Amino acid sequence: MIVTYFRSSSYGCHDMCNFLYTIEYVLGLRGPSGKKAVLGSIVHKGLEFLANIKLCQQNGLTTFQDDETNQEFDVGLLTPKQSIDIAFDFYSAKESHHEWLHKDRKQCHTWLKMCMDLNDGMWNPLNRDVVKPEQYFDIPIDEPWAKYKFTTPEGQVIEGQLAIKGTVDLVTRVSDDTLEYLDWKTGQRLDWATGAVKDYKKLRSDPQLRIYYYALRKLYPDIANLIMTIVFVRDGGAFAMPFGDEDIPRTLEMLRKKFESIKDTVVPRKKVSWRCKAFCHQGRTKWPGSEKTRCDFLHDELKKNGLTQLMLNYGTPNVFSSYGDGGGKSNRDEKVVVPTTPA
């Protein structure tokens, strides 16, 4: 199977179900975002606006441009309430397949206030020394095992280095030699692949936190200390993870095993559970013109014709080059791409 990059979401998707990963990241048939995920995105956008306000105040600027909403904002006029209202209007129009109610808007306001007030405002972007909101990264893994060379079903040869891609919510400065990564979660503190609660021990092994630590270490090599803080606003509060450079070999080994597991897959395994119909778009939505779900239809096609033919018949063109940009779009014009070390 072809794999050219990891995001924390693609890594987690493969943990949850090998075949779901195949549908969404190999065929490129992405399902729509669930309503709870969109509500989380609205709150994150509100927090991003607050971080940009603070960054402008630090730099003596009066306005900032947000490319995702294609709007310019006056720092002196934009309030937290307006931040959520603007984010809600933008995402509810973008994700119009959901029914949006006044109570949803009210819920987002409540969650933003919780983020701002938690621990007497300790995690409020307006109270932080902001380095970078929505820090995008695209970093090749400079290891011999990360080199790939694949032939697509269409006969195109693609080769390069496995990369990690994504967007870090917020980078803040604690002191001259210490940065802190902040991420807010409005959902439950669960590992959705297993249903287990993410306690301190599990968070130390969390792929997102490990991938982001590795990325930030590459983006800010001169900073001595990086604090990785994930804030579960409604489920346990803040967890600060003490990662260090001694963790990087373990992170690389984690990535290597996942890379080789996916690369060596010929028949991806379908994991069947109650979550298929409860949460998964592919497992609860019918394939057009069929009585089968999207998952069952494509898995039957896989069993009949094999993976290569499945990709030819149902894959999205250029999926391996076009779907790698990571999360938010606000700072895409300032992409930070860390090259591999020249040979």
Foldseek 3Di string as FASTA:
>chain_A
DDAFEDELVLLLQCLQFQLSSCVCQVQVPDDDDDPLVLLVVLLLQLLLVLLVLLQCVVVVHQWDAFPVLRDIDGSVPDDSLNSSVSSCVVSCVVRVVDDDDPVSSVVSSVLNVLQCCPPNRPRRSNPFAFDDAFAWEKEFDQDPLQWDWDQALVGDIDTDGYIYTATQGTWTDPDPQEIEGEAEDADAQASVSVRDHCDLVNVLVRLNQLSVVVRVCLVCVRRQYYWYWYAHSVYDGIDIHRDDPVCNVVSVVVVSVSVVVSVPDWQTGGDDDPCLCVPNQQSNDCDPPDPHGNSVVLNVVCVVPTDNVSSVVRGDPPSNPPPRHYDDDRCVVVYDYDDHDDD
